[in-house]
Amino acid sequence: MLKLLVVEDHALVREGLVRLLAQMERGVEVQESADFESALNVLDNEGEFDLVLLDLALPGIDGFAGLDILRRRYPAMPVAVVSAFDDTPTITRVLNLGASGFIPKAFSGEALLSAVREVLAGNIFRPIGQSGATLDAETPVPPNKTGIRPDEVGLTDRQGQVLALMVRGMTNRDIADQLGLSEGTVKIHATAVFKTLGVSSRTQALVAVARYGIDFESVF
């Protein structure tokens, strides 16, 4: 019998997910928790589930930290994040932390069930078309209490270095001199940085750095 756990603090969303997941198959068991602590109690008392669906914006804990705890304590149990924070860096970080999938809350019920089935089949689910997401003043950013490394949002070491020097106000030529690269190569790295962050300009990239709390200590 399929056994699922929904961890979501908003009652209306949680109840909707539970009713929807109950349609997965005959006899499916769907349990629910309104916060991370109660979810851990359920897991400790009842053993592992076939899948945990985890919201990122939970009370009392950073959602990324919660995901990390679940992956460490229950490494064989798949966890899929279901969240409204569906920008590219968030999806990348979630998958880098070991989630088996990222399912946007904007999905229809049919699309969500399809994504859940994909994860239950042992595959990694990432929504199509999210790699081109853009960041603007209205884009929500999930709670993050500590700085994150550039690689956690999908940047390579070199891309992290280029972005760090952008933050210092250096021009492409200055960055090229600093890193021993050609100016053309710096432009290529900058374009890749913008794509990864879902932005289209230096200004937006600097906003993204501030909002995500990217820490460049590890890149030099």
N, C-alpha and C. Protein backbone atom coordinates (compact mmCIF):
# COMPACT_ATOMS: atom_id res chain seq x y z
N MET A 1 0.84 -1.20 0.00
CA MET A 1 0.00 0.00 0.00
C MET A 1 0.88 1.25 0.00
N LEU A 2 0.54 2.17 -0.85
CA LEU A 2 1.30 3.41 -0.98
C LEU A 2 1.08 4.29 0.25
N LYS A 3 2.19 4.83 0.78
CA LYS A 3 2.13 5.62 2.01
C LYS A 3 2.83 6.96 1.78
N LEU A 4 2.06 8.05 1.89
CA LEU A 4 2.57 9.38 1.58
C LEU A 4 2.40 10.30 2.79
N LEU A 5 3.33 11.29 2.90
CA LEU A 5 3.25 12.28 3.99
C LEU A 5 3.34 13.67 3.38
N VAL A 6 2.36 14.52 3.70
CA VAL A 6 2.33 15.91 3.24
C VAL A 6 2.73 16.82 4.40
N VAL A 7 3.77 17.63 4.20
CA VAL A 7 4.22 18.57 5.24
C VAL A 7 3.99 19.98 4.70
N GLU A 8 2.94 20.62 5.19
CA GLU A 8 2.49 21.92 4.67
C GLU A 8 1.75 22.67 5.77
N ASP A 9 2.12 23.93 6.01
CA ASP A 9 1.53 24.65 7.14
C ASP A 9 0.18 25.30 6.81
N HIS A 10 -0.07 25.61 5.54
CA HIS A 10 -1.35 26.22 5.19
C HIS A 10 -2.43 25.13 5.09
N ALA A 11 -3.43 25.22 5.96
CA ALA A 11 -4.43 24.16 6.07
C ALA A 11 -5.16 23.90 4.76
N LEU A 12 -5.55 24.97 4.07
CA LEU A 12 -6.32 24.80 2.83
C LEU A 12 -5.50 24.07 1.78
N VAL A 13 -4.23 24.46 1.64
CA VAL A 13 -3.34 23.80 0.67
C VAL A 13 -3.09 22.35 1.08
N ARG A 14 -2.83 22.16 2.37
CA ARG A 14 -2.54 20.80 2.87
C ARG A 14 -3.73 19.87 2.63
N GLU A 15 -4.92 20.34 2.97
CA GLU A 15 -6.11 19.51 2.80
C GLU A 15 -6.36 19.21 1.32
N GLY A 16 -6.09 20.19 0.46
CA GLY A 16 -6.26 19.97 -0.97
C GLY A 16 -5.28 18.92 -1.49
N LEU A 17 -4.03 19.00 -1.03
CA LEU A 17 -3.03 18.01 -1.44
C LEU A 17 -3.41 16.61 -0.97
N VAL A 18 -3.89 16.52 0.26
CA VAL A 18 -4.26 15.21 0.80
C VAL A 18 -5.40 14.59 -0.03
N ARG A 19 -6.41 15.40 -0.34
CA ARG A 19 -7.54 14.89 -1.14
C ARG A 19 -7.07 14.48 -2.54
N LEU A 20 -6.19 15.28 -3.11
CA LEU A 20 -5.70 14.98 -4.45
C LEU A 20 -4.88 13.70 -4.47
N LEU A 21 -3.97 13.56 -3.50
CA LEU A 21 -3.10 12.38 -3.46
C LEU A 21 -3.87 11.11 -3.14
N ALA A 22 -5.02 11.26 -2.50
CA ALA A 22 -5.85 10.09 -2.20
C ALA A 22 -6.36 9.43 -3.47
N GLN A 23 -6.26 10.15 -4.60
CA GLN A 23 -6.70 9.61 -5.88
C GLN A 23 -5.62 8.78 -6.58
N MET A 24 -4.44 8.72 -5.97
CA MET A 24 -3.32 8.04 -6.63
C MET A 24 -3.64 6.59 -6.96
N GLU A 25 -4.16 5.88 -5.99
CA GLU A 25 -4.52 4.47 -6.20
C GLU A 25 -5.41 4.02 -5.06
N ARG A 26 -6.06 2.87 -5.24
CA ARG A 26 -6.95 2.35 -4.20
C ARG A 26 -6.13 2.00 -2.95
N GLY A 27 -6.61 2.44 -1.80
CA GLY A 27 -5.97 2.08 -0.53
C GLY A 27 -4.78 2.94 -0.15
N VAL A 28 -4.45 4.00 -0.92
CA VAL A 28 -3.32 4.84 -0.59
C VAL A 28 -3.54 5.50 0.77
N GLU A 29 -2.50 5.56 1.57
CA GLU A 29 -2.55 6.21 2.87
C GLU A 29 -1.81 7.54 2.78
N VAL A 30 -2.53 8.64 3.06
CA VAL A 30 -1.93 9.97 3.02
C VAL A 30 -2.04 10.61 4.40
N GLN A 31 -0.91 10.85 5.03
CA GLN A 31 -0.90 11.53 6.32
C GLN A 31 -0.43 12.96 6.13
N GLU A 32 -0.67 13.81 7.12
CA GLU A 32 -0.35 15.21 7.00
C GLU A 32 0.25 15.77 8.28
N SER A 33 1.14 16.76 8.10
CA SER A 33 1.75 17.47 9.22
C SER A 33 1.76 18.95 8.88
N ALA A 34 1.48 19.78 9.91
CA ALA A 34 1.42 21.22 9.69
C ALA A 34 2.76 21.91 9.94
N ASP A 35 3.73 21.19 10.47
CA ASP A 35 5.06 21.77 10.71
C ASP A 35 6.10 20.66 10.67
N PHE A 36 7.35 21.07 10.66
CA PHE A 36 8.44 20.11 10.48
C PHE A 36 8.61 19.19 11.69
N GLU A 37 8.46 19.76 12.88
CA GLU A 37 8.64 18.95 14.09
C GLU A 37 7.63 17.82 14.17
N SER A 38 6.37 18.12 13.86
CA SER A 38 5.36 17.06 13.90
C SER A 38 5.61 16.03 12.80
N ALA A 39 6.17 16.48 11.66
CA ALA A 39 6.50 15.54 10.59
C ALA A 39 7.57 14.56 11.04
N LEU A 40 8.58 15.05 11.75
CA LEU A 40 9.62 14.16 12.27
C LEU A 40 9.04 13.17 13.27
N ASN A 41 8.10 13.62 14.08
CA ASN A 41 7.46 12.71 15.04
C ASN A 41 6.71 11.60 14.32
N VAL A 42 6.01 11.96 13.25
CA VAL A 42 5.29 10.95 12.47
C VAL A 42 6.28 9.93 11.89
N LEU A 43 7.37 10.43 11.32
CA LEU A 43 8.37 9.54 10.71
C LEU A 43 9.04 8.66 11.76
N ASP A 44 9.33 9.23 12.92
CA ASP A 44 9.98 8.46 13.99
C ASP A 44 9.06 7.37 14.52
N ASN A 45 7.77 7.67 14.58
CA ASN A 45 6.82 6.72 15.16
C ASN A 45 6.32 5.68 14.15
N GLU A 46 6.25 6.04 12.88
CA GLU A 46 5.63 5.15 11.90
C GLU A 46 6.59 4.62 10.85
N GLY A 47 7.85 5.01 10.93
CA GLY A 47 8.81 4.53 9.94
C GLY A 47 8.74 5.33 8.66
N GLU A 48 9.52 4.92 7.70
CA GLU A 48 9.63 5.67 6.46
C GLU A 48 8.38 5.54 5.58
N PHE A 49 8.15 6.58 4.79
CA PHE A 49 7.03 6.62 3.85
C PHE A 49 7.57 6.40 2.44
N ASP A 50 6.67 6.12 1.51
CA ASP A 50 7.08 5.97 0.11
C ASP A 50 7.51 7.31 -0.48
N LEU A 51 6.94 8.40 0.06
CA LEU A 51 7.29 9.73 -0.42
C LEU A 51 6.82 10.77 0.59
N VAL A 52 7.69 11.78 0.80
CA VAL A 52 7.32 12.95 1.59
C VAL A 52 7.22 14.14 0.65
N LEU A 53 6.11 14.87 0.72
CA LEU A 53 5.96 16.11 -0.04
C LEU A 53 6.14 17.27 0.93
N LEU A 54 7.18 18.06 0.72
CA LEU A 54 7.62 19.06 1.69
C LEU A 54 7.50 20.47 1.15
N ASP A 55 6.85 21.34 1.92
CA ASP A 55 6.82 22.77 1.59
C ASP A 55 8.11 23.41 2.08
N LEU A 56 8.58 24.45 1.40
CA LEU A 56 9.81 25.13 1.83
C LEU A 56 9.57 26.17 2.92
N ALA A 57 8.41 26.81 2.90
CA ALA A 57 8.14 27.91 3.83
C ALA A 57 7.37 27.41 5.04
N LEU A 58 8.05 26.66 5.90
CA LEU A 58 7.42 26.12 7.10
C LEU A 58 7.77 26.97 8.32
N PRO A 59 6.88 27.03 9.32
CA PRO A 59 7.18 27.81 10.52
C PRO A 59 8.28 27.15 11.35
N GLY A 60 9.18 27.96 11.86
CA GLY A 60 10.17 27.46 12.82
C GLY A 60 11.43 26.87 12.24
N ILE A 61 11.50 26.70 10.90
CA ILE A 61 12.70 26.10 10.33
C ILE A 61 12.88 26.57 8.89
N ASP A 62 14.11 26.80 8.50
CA ASP A 62 14.43 27.09 7.11
C ASP A 62 14.12 25.85 6.28
N GLY A 63 13.38 26.03 5.20
CA GLY A 63 12.94 24.87 4.42
C GLY A 63 14.09 24.05 3.85
N PHE A 64 15.18 24.71 3.47
CA PHE A 64 16.33 23.99 2.95
C PHE A 64 16.98 23.14 4.05
N ALA A 65 17.02 23.70 5.27
CA ALA A 65 17.57 22.95 6.39
C ALA A 65 16.71 21.72 6.68
N GLY A 66 15.39 21.89 6.58
CA GLY A 66 14.49 20.76 6.81
C GLY A 66 14.72 19.67 5.79
N LEU A 67 14.88 20.05 4.54
CA LEU A 67 15.15 19.07 3.48
C LEU A 67 16.46 18.33 3.76
N ASP A 68 17.46 19.07 4.15
CA ASP A 68 18.76 18.47 4.45
C ASP A 68 18.66 17.47 5.60
N ILE A 69 17.88 17.82 6.63
CA ILE A 69 17.69 16.91 7.77
C ILE A 69 17.02 15.61 7.32
N LEU A 70 15.98 15.73 6.51
CA LEU A 70 15.28 14.54 6.04
C LEU A 70 16.19 13.64 5.20
N ARG A 71 17.00 14.26 4.33
CA ARG A 71 17.88 13.45 3.48
C ARG A 71 18.95 12.74 4.30
N ARG A 72 19.38 13.37 5.39
CA ARG A 72 20.41 12.75 6.23
C ARG A 72 19.82 11.65 7.12
N ARG A 73 18.65 11.90 7.68
CA ARG A 73 18.05 10.94 8.61
C ARG A 73 17.38 9.77 7.90
N TYR A 74 16.87 10.04 6.72
CA TYR A 74 16.16 8.99 5.97
C TYR A 74 16.66 8.97 4.53
N PRO A 75 17.90 8.58 4.31
CA PRO A 75 18.52 8.67 2.98
C PRO A 75 17.83 7.85 1.90
N ALA A 76 17.12 6.79 2.29
CA ALA A 76 16.47 5.94 1.29
C ALA A 76 15.05 6.40 0.95
N MET A 77 14.55 7.40 1.68
CA MET A 77 13.17 7.86 1.50
C MET A 77 13.14 9.07 0.58
N PRO A 78 12.44 9.01 -0.55
CA PRO A 78 12.39 10.17 -1.45
C PRO A 78 11.60 11.33 -0.86
N VAL A 79 12.08 12.53 -1.13
CA VAL A 79 11.41 13.76 -0.70
C VAL A 79 11.23 14.65 -1.93
N ALA A 80 10.01 15.08 -2.16
CA ALA A 80 9.74 16.03 -3.24
C ALA A 80 9.28 17.34 -2.62
N VAL A 81 9.85 18.44 -3.08
CA VAL A 81 9.45 19.75 -2.60
C VAL A 81 8.27 20.24 -3.42
N VAL A 82 7.24 20.73 -2.73
CA VAL A 82 6.08 21.34 -3.39
C VAL A 82 6.03 22.78 -2.89
N SER A 83 6.33 23.73 -3.77
CA SER A 83 6.51 25.11 -3.30
C SER A 83 6.08 26.14 -4.33
N ALA A 84 5.74 27.32 -3.82
CA ALA A 84 5.42 28.46 -4.69
C ALA A 84 6.69 29.18 -5.13
N PHE A 85 7.80 28.91 -4.47
CA PHE A 85 9.08 29.54 -4.80
C PHE A 85 9.73 28.75 -5.93
N ASP A 86 9.29 29.00 -7.16
CA ASP A 86 9.72 28.14 -8.27
C ASP A 86 10.71 28.83 -9.21
N ASP A 87 11.55 29.73 -8.67
CA ASP A 87 12.59 30.34 -9.49
C ASP A 87 13.75 29.35 -9.68
N THR A 88 14.57 29.61 -10.67
CA THR A 88 15.63 28.68 -11.05
C THR A 88 16.62 28.37 -9.93
N PRO A 89 17.17 29.39 -9.22
CA PRO A 89 18.13 29.07 -8.14
C PRO A 89 17.53 28.21 -7.04
N THR A 90 16.26 28.45 -6.70
CA THR A 90 15.62 27.64 -5.66
C THR A 90 15.48 26.19 -6.11
N ILE A 91 15.02 25.97 -7.34
CA ILE A 91 14.88 24.61 -7.85
C ILE A 91 16.23 23.91 -7.88
N THR A 92 17.25 24.62 -8.36
CA THR A 92 18.59 24.03 -8.42
C THR A 92 19.10 23.65 -7.04
N ARG A 93 18.91 24.54 -6.09
CA ARG A 93 19.40 24.25 -4.73
C ARG A 93 18.67 23.07 -4.11
N VAL A 94 17.36 23.01 -4.31
CA VAL A 94 16.56 21.90 -3.79
C VAL A 94 17.06 20.57 -4.33
N LEU A 95 17.30 20.51 -5.63
CA LEU A 95 17.76 19.26 -6.23
C LEU A 95 19.19 18.93 -5.81
N ASN A 96 20.02 19.97 -5.63
CA ASN A 96 21.39 19.74 -5.16
C ASN A 96 21.41 19.19 -3.73
N LEU A 97 20.39 19.51 -2.95
CA LEU A 97 20.30 19.01 -1.58
C LEU A 97 19.75 17.58 -1.51
N GLY A 98 19.43 17.03 -2.66
CA GLY A 98 19.02 15.62 -2.69
C GLY A 98 17.55 15.36 -2.83
N ALA A 99 16.75 16.40 -3.11
CA ALA A 99 15.32 16.16 -3.33
C ALA A 99 15.13 15.31 -4.58
N SER A 100 14.09 14.52 -4.58
CA SER A 100 13.78 13.68 -5.74
C SER A 100 12.95 14.42 -6.77
N GLY A 101 12.53 15.63 -6.43
CA GLY A 101 11.76 16.41 -7.38
C GLY A 101 11.37 17.76 -6.83
N PHE A 102 11.03 18.66 -7.73
CA PHE A 102 10.49 19.97 -7.37
C PHE A 102 9.18 20.15 -8.11
N ILE A 103 8.09 20.34 -7.37
CA ILE A 103 6.77 20.45 -7.96
C ILE A 103 6.20 21.83 -7.61
N PRO A 104 6.03 22.72 -8.60
CA PRO A 104 5.48 24.05 -8.32
C PRO A 104 4.03 23.97 -7.85
N LYS A 105 3.66 24.81 -6.90
CA LYS A 105 2.27 24.85 -6.45
C LYS A 105 1.33 25.37 -7.53
N ALA A 106 1.91 26.01 -8.55
CA ALA A 106 1.09 26.51 -9.66
C ALA A 106 0.60 25.38 -10.57
N PHE A 107 1.11 24.17 -10.38
CA PHE A 107 0.69 23.03 -11.19
C PHE A 107 -0.80 22.74 -11.01
N SER A 108 -1.41 22.21 -12.05
CA SER A 108 -2.76 21.68 -11.92
C SER A 108 -2.71 20.37 -11.15
N GLY A 109 -3.87 19.91 -10.70
CA GLY A 109 -3.92 18.65 -9.96
C GLY A 109 -3.39 17.50 -10.78
N GLU A 110 -3.76 17.46 -12.06
CA GLU A 110 -3.33 16.38 -12.94
C GLU A 110 -1.81 16.41 -13.11
N ALA A 111 -1.24 17.61 -13.29
CA ALA A 111 0.21 17.73 -13.46
C ALA A 111 0.95 17.34 -12.19
N LEU A 112 0.38 17.71 -11.04
CA LEU A 112 1.02 17.35 -9.77
C LEU A 112 1.04 15.84 -9.58
N LEU A 113 -0.07 15.18 -9.86
CA LEU A 113 -0.12 13.72 -9.72
C LEU A 113 0.86 13.06 -10.67
N SER A 114 0.98 13.60 -11.88
CA SER A 114 1.93 13.05 -12.84
C SER A 114 3.36 13.19 -12.32
N ALA A 115 3.67 14.34 -11.72
CA ALA A 115 5.01 14.56 -11.16
C ALA A 115 5.28 13.60 -10.00
N VAL A 116 4.28 13.40 -9.16
CA VAL A 116 4.43 12.47 -8.02
C VAL A 116 4.68 11.05 -8.53
N ARG A 117 3.96 10.64 -9.54
CA ARG A 117 4.16 9.30 -10.11
C ARG A 117 5.58 9.16 -10.67
N GLU A 118 6.07 10.23 -11.27
CA GLU A 118 7.43 10.22 -11.82
C GLU A 118 8.45 9.98 -10.70
N VAL A 119 8.27 10.66 -9.59
CA VAL A 119 9.18 10.50 -8.45
C VAL A 119 9.05 9.10 -7.85
N LEU A 120 7.84 8.63 -7.71
CA LEU A 120 7.62 7.29 -7.16
C LEU A 120 8.22 6.21 -8.05
N ALA A 121 8.36 6.51 -9.33
CA ALA A 121 8.97 5.56 -10.27
C ALA A 121 10.49 5.55 -10.17
N GLY A 122 11.01 6.43 -9.31
CA GLY A 122 12.46 6.46 -9.10
C GLY A 122 13.19 7.50 -9.92
N ASN A 123 12.43 8.38 -10.57
CA ASN A 123 13.05 9.42 -11.39
C ASN A 123 13.13 10.75 -10.64
N ILE A 124 13.98 11.66 -11.14
CA ILE A 124 14.08 13.01 -10.59
C ILE A 124 13.18 13.90 -11.42
N PHE A 125 12.26 14.62 -10.75
CA PHE A 125 11.34 15.48 -11.49
C PHE A 125 11.75 16.94 -11.34
N ARG A 126 11.96 17.59 -12.48
CA ARG A 126 12.19 19.03 -12.53
C ARG A 126 11.22 19.61 -13.54
N PRO A 127 10.48 20.67 -13.19
CA PRO A 127 9.49 21.21 -14.12
C PRO A 127 10.12 21.73 -15.39
N ILE A 128 9.52 21.43 -16.52
CA ILE A 128 10.01 21.88 -17.81
C ILE A 128 9.76 23.38 -17.95
N GLY A 129 10.75 24.07 -18.50
CA GLY A 129 10.57 25.50 -18.75
C GLY A 129 10.97 26.40 -17.62
N GLN A 130 11.47 25.83 -16.51
CA GLN A 130 11.85 26.67 -15.38
C GLN A 130 13.24 27.26 -15.53
N SER A 131 14.08 26.70 -16.42
CA SER A 131 15.45 27.18 -16.54
C SER A 131 15.53 28.61 -17.04
N GLY A 132 14.45 29.12 -17.64
CA GLY A 132 14.47 30.48 -18.13
C GLY A 132 13.72 31.46 -17.24
N ALA A 133 13.48 31.09 -16.01
CA ALA A 133 12.76 31.96 -15.09
C ALA A 133 13.49 33.27 -14.90
N THR A 134 12.73 34.34 -14.68
CA THR A 134 13.35 35.64 -14.47
C THR A 134 13.11 36.12 -13.05
N LEU A 135 14.02 36.96 -12.58
CA LEU A 135 13.91 37.50 -11.24
C LEU A 135 13.57 38.98 -11.35
N ASP A 136 12.51 39.41 -10.72
CA ASP A 136 12.20 40.84 -10.69
C ASP A 136 11.82 41.22 -9.27
N ALA A 137 11.39 42.45 -9.10
CA ALA A 137 11.13 42.96 -7.74
C ALA A 137 10.02 42.20 -7.03
N GLU A 138 9.15 41.52 -7.79
CA GLU A 138 8.03 40.83 -7.17
C GLU A 138 8.28 39.34 -6.98
N THR A 139 9.41 38.84 -7.44
CA THR A 139 9.68 37.42 -7.32
C THR A 139 9.89 37.02 -5.87
N PRO A 140 9.09 36.09 -5.32
CA PRO A 140 9.30 35.69 -3.94
C PRO A 140 10.57 34.88 -3.80
N VAL A 141 11.21 35.01 -2.66
CA VAL A 141 12.42 34.24 -2.38
C VAL A 141 12.19 33.48 -1.09
N PRO A 142 12.45 32.17 -1.05
CA PRO A 142 12.20 31.40 0.16
C PRO A 142 13.08 31.86 1.31
N PRO A 143 12.62 31.63 2.56
CA PRO A 143 13.41 32.05 3.71
C PRO A 143 14.77 31.38 3.73
N ASN A 144 15.80 32.15 4.06
CA ASN A 144 17.14 31.60 4.11
C ASN A 144 17.91 32.31 5.21
N LYS A 145 18.25 31.60 6.26
CA LYS A 145 18.84 32.22 7.44
C LYS A 145 20.35 32.38 7.33
N THR A 146 20.98 31.61 6.47
CA THR A 146 22.43 31.66 6.36
C THR A 146 22.83 31.85 4.91
N GLY A 147 24.05 32.35 4.69
CA GLY A 147 24.54 32.54 3.34
C GLY A 147 24.68 31.20 2.62
N ILE A 148 24.54 31.23 1.30
CA ILE A 148 24.67 30.00 0.51
C ILE A 148 25.83 30.14 -0.46
N ARG A 149 26.47 29.03 -0.76
CA ARG A 149 27.59 29.03 -1.69
C ARG A 149 27.07 29.16 -3.13
N PRO A 150 27.89 29.73 -4.01
CA PRO A 150 27.46 29.85 -5.41
C PRO A 150 27.07 28.51 -6.05
N ASP A 151 27.77 27.43 -5.70
CA ASP A 151 27.46 26.14 -6.32
C ASP A 151 26.08 25.62 -5.91
N GLU A 152 25.56 26.12 -4.77
CA GLU A 152 24.25 25.67 -4.32
C GLU A 152 23.13 26.20 -5.20
N VAL A 153 23.38 27.26 -5.96
CA VAL A 153 22.38 27.75 -6.90
C VAL A 153 22.76 27.44 -8.34
N GLY A 154 23.77 26.55 -8.51
CA GLY A 154 24.10 26.06 -9.84
C GLY A 154 25.25 26.75 -10.54
N LEU A 155 26.01 27.60 -9.84
CA LEU A 155 27.14 28.28 -10.45
C LEU A 155 28.41 27.46 -10.31
N THR A 156 29.24 27.46 -11.35
CA THR A 156 30.55 26.82 -11.26
C THR A 156 31.49 27.72 -10.45
N ASP A 157 32.67 27.20 -10.10
CA ASP A 157 33.64 28.01 -9.35
C ASP A 157 34.01 29.28 -10.13
N ARG A 158 34.28 29.13 -11.43
CA ARG A 158 34.68 30.28 -12.23
C ARG A 158 33.54 31.29 -12.35
N GLN A 159 32.32 30.79 -12.54
CA GLN A 159 31.18 31.69 -12.59
C GLN A 159 30.99 32.43 -11.27
N GLY A 160 31.23 31.72 -10.17
CA GLY A 160 31.15 32.35 -8.86
C GLY A 160 32.17 33.46 -8.71
N GLN A 161 33.38 33.23 -9.23
CA GLN A 161 34.42 34.25 -9.17
C GLN A 161 34.04 35.48 -9.98
N VAL A 162 33.53 35.25 -11.19
CA VAL A 162 33.11 36.37 -12.04
C VAL A 162 32.01 37.17 -11.35
N LEU A 163 31.03 36.48 -10.78
CA LEU A 163 29.94 37.17 -10.10
C LEU A 163 30.45 37.94 -8.89
N ALA A 164 31.37 37.33 -8.14
CA ALA A 164 31.93 38.01 -6.96
C ALA A 164 32.60 39.32 -7.34
N LEU A 165 33.31 39.31 -8.47
CA LEU A 165 34.00 40.53 -8.92
C LEU A 165 33.01 41.54 -9.50
N MET A 166 31.91 41.04 -10.07
CA MET A 166 30.84 41.96 -10.49
C MET A 166 30.29 42.71 -9.28
N VAL A 167 30.10 41.97 -8.20
CA VAL A 167 29.57 42.56 -6.97
C VAL A 167 30.50 43.67 -6.48
N ARG A 168 31.80 43.52 -6.71
CA ARG A 168 32.77 44.54 -6.30
C ARG A 168 32.80 45.73 -7.25
N GLY A 169 31.99 45.68 -8.31
CA GLY A 169 31.89 46.80 -9.24
C GLY A 169 32.89 46.79 -10.36
N MET A 170 33.57 45.66 -10.57
CA MET A 170 34.58 45.59 -11.63
C MET A 170 33.93 45.48 -13.01
N THR A 171 34.58 46.07 -14.01
CA THR A 171 34.14 45.92 -15.39
C THR A 171 34.60 44.56 -15.91
N ASN A 172 34.09 44.16 -17.07
CA ASN A 172 34.53 42.89 -17.67
C ASN A 172 36.04 42.89 -17.92
N ARG A 173 36.56 44.03 -18.34
CA ARG A 173 38.01 44.12 -18.57
C ARG A 173 38.79 43.94 -17.26
N ASP A 174 38.31 44.58 -16.20
CA ASP A 174 38.97 44.44 -14.89
C ASP A 174 38.92 42.98 -14.42
N ILE A 175 37.76 42.35 -14.61
CA ILE A 175 37.61 40.96 -14.20
C ILE A 175 38.55 40.06 -14.99
N ALA A 176 38.66 40.34 -16.28
CA ALA A 176 39.56 39.56 -17.14
C ALA A 176 41.00 39.66 -16.64
N ASP A 177 41.44 40.88 -16.31
CA ASP A 177 42.79 41.08 -15.79
C ASP A 177 42.99 40.36 -14.45
N GLN A 178 41.98 40.44 -13.59
CA GLN A 178 42.06 39.85 -12.26
C GLN A 178 42.17 38.32 -12.34
N LEU A 179 41.44 37.71 -13.27
CA LEU A 179 41.38 36.25 -13.34
C LEU A 179 42.29 35.65 -14.41
N GLY A 180 42.97 36.52 -15.15
CA GLY A 180 43.86 36.01 -16.20
C GLY A 180 43.10 35.41 -17.37
N LEU A 181 41.98 36.02 -17.71
CA LEU A 181 41.14 35.53 -18.81
C LEU A 181 41.03 36.60 -19.88
N SER A 182 40.51 36.22 -21.03
CA SER A 182 40.22 37.22 -22.05
C SER A 182 38.88 37.86 -21.71
N GLU A 183 38.66 39.08 -22.22
CA GLU A 183 37.41 39.77 -21.96
C GLU A 183 36.23 38.99 -22.56
N GLY A 184 36.47 38.34 -23.71
CA GLY A 184 35.42 37.54 -24.33
C GLY A 184 35.00 36.37 -23.45
N THR A 185 35.99 35.73 -22.81
CA THR A 185 35.68 34.61 -21.92
C THR A 185 34.87 35.08 -20.72
N VAL A 186 35.22 36.25 -20.20
CA VAL A 186 34.46 36.81 -19.07
C VAL A 186 33.01 37.05 -19.48
N LYS A 187 32.80 37.55 -20.69
CA LYS A 187 31.43 37.79 -21.18
C LYS A 187 30.65 36.48 -21.26
N ILE A 188 31.32 35.42 -21.69
CA ILE A 188 30.66 34.11 -21.76
C ILE A 188 30.25 33.65 -20.37
N HIS A 189 31.17 33.80 -19.39
CA HIS A 189 30.85 33.40 -18.01
C HIS A 189 29.72 34.27 -17.46
N ALA A 190 29.74 35.56 -17.77
CA ALA A 190 28.70 36.46 -17.27
C ALA A 190 27.33 36.07 -17.82
N THR A 191 27.29 35.71 -19.09
CA THR A 191 26.03 35.27 -19.70
C THR A 191 25.51 34.01 -19.01
N ALA A 192 26.42 33.10 -18.70
CA ALA A 192 26.04 31.87 -18.01
C ALA A 192 25.52 32.16 -16.60
N VAL A 193 26.14 33.13 -15.94
CA VAL A 193 25.70 33.54 -14.60
C VAL A 193 24.28 34.08 -14.67
N PHE A 194 24.02 34.97 -15.63
CA PHE A 194 22.69 35.55 -15.76
C PHE A 194 21.64 34.46 -16.00
N LYS A 195 21.97 33.50 -16.86
CA LYS A 195 21.02 32.42 -17.16
C LYS A 195 20.74 31.58 -15.93
N THR A 196 21.78 31.26 -15.17
CA THR A 196 21.60 30.43 -13.98
C THR A 196 20.74 31.13 -12.93
N LEU A 197 20.95 32.43 -12.76
CA LEU A 197 20.20 33.19 -11.76
C LEU A 197 18.82 33.62 -12.26
N GLY A 198 18.58 33.43 -13.57
CA GLY A 198 17.29 33.83 -14.12
C GLY A 198 17.16 35.34 -14.25
N VAL A 199 18.28 36.02 -14.56
CA VAL A 199 18.27 37.48 -14.70
C VAL A 199 18.80 37.86 -16.08
N SER A 200 18.73 39.16 -16.40
CA SER A 200 19.17 39.59 -17.73
C SER A 200 20.14 40.76 -17.69
N SER A 201 20.58 41.16 -16.50
CA SER A 201 21.49 42.29 -16.42
C SER A 201 22.34 42.20 -15.15
N ARG A 202 23.41 43.01 -15.11
CA ARG A 202 24.25 43.07 -13.92
C ARG A 202 23.45 43.54 -12.70
N THR A 203 22.61 44.54 -12.91
CA THR A 203 21.83 45.08 -11.80
C THR A 203 20.95 43.99 -11.18
N GLN A 204 20.26 43.24 -12.03
CA GLN A 204 19.42 42.16 -11.53
C GLN A 204 20.25 41.08 -10.85
N ALA A 205 21.45 40.83 -11.38
CA ALA A 205 22.33 39.83 -10.76
C ALA A 205 22.72 40.26 -9.34
N LEU A 206 22.99 41.55 -9.15
CA LEU A 206 23.36 42.05 -7.83
C LEU A 206 22.18 41.96 -6.87
N VAL A 207 20.98 42.20 -7.39
CA VAL A 207 19.78 42.04 -6.57
C VAL A 207 19.63 40.58 -6.13
N ALA A 208 19.87 39.67 -7.08
CA ALA A 208 19.77 38.24 -6.77
C ALA A 208 20.78 37.84 -5.70
N VAL A 209 22.00 38.34 -5.80
CA VAL A 209 23.04 38.02 -4.80
C VAL A 209 22.57 38.44 -3.42
N ALA A 210 22.00 39.64 -3.32
CA ALA A 210 21.54 40.15 -2.03
C ALA A 210 20.36 39.36 -1.49
N ARG A 211 19.44 39.04 -2.38
CA ARG A 211 18.21 38.39 -1.93
C ARG A 211 18.42 36.93 -1.56
N TYR A 212 19.32 36.26 -2.26
CA TYR A 212 19.58 34.86 -1.93
C TYR A 212 20.65 34.72 -0.87
N GLY A 213 21.36 35.80 -0.57
CA GLY A 213 22.42 35.74 0.44
C GLY A 213 23.61 34.92 -0.02
N ILE A 214 24.02 35.08 -1.28
CA ILE A 214 25.14 34.29 -1.81
C ILE A 214 26.44 34.74 -1.17
N ASP A 215 27.19 33.80 -0.65
CA ASP A 215 28.45 34.05 0.04
C ASP A 215 29.61 33.58 -0.86
N PHE A 216 30.53 34.49 -1.16
CA PHE A 216 31.60 34.18 -2.10
C PHE A 216 32.92 33.75 -1.45
N GLU A 217 32.88 33.50 -0.15
CA GLU A 217 34.10 33.17 0.58
C GLU A 217 34.81 31.95 0.01
N SER A 218 34.05 31.01 -0.53
CA SER A 218 34.63 29.74 -0.98
C SER A 218 35.18 29.78 -2.40
N VAL A 219 34.98 30.88 -3.14
CA VAL A 219 35.33 30.85 -4.56
C VAL A 219 36.76 31.32 -4.85
N PHE A 220 37.43 31.93 -3.88
CA PHE A 220 38.81 32.39 -4.11
C PHE A 220 39.77 31.69 -3.16
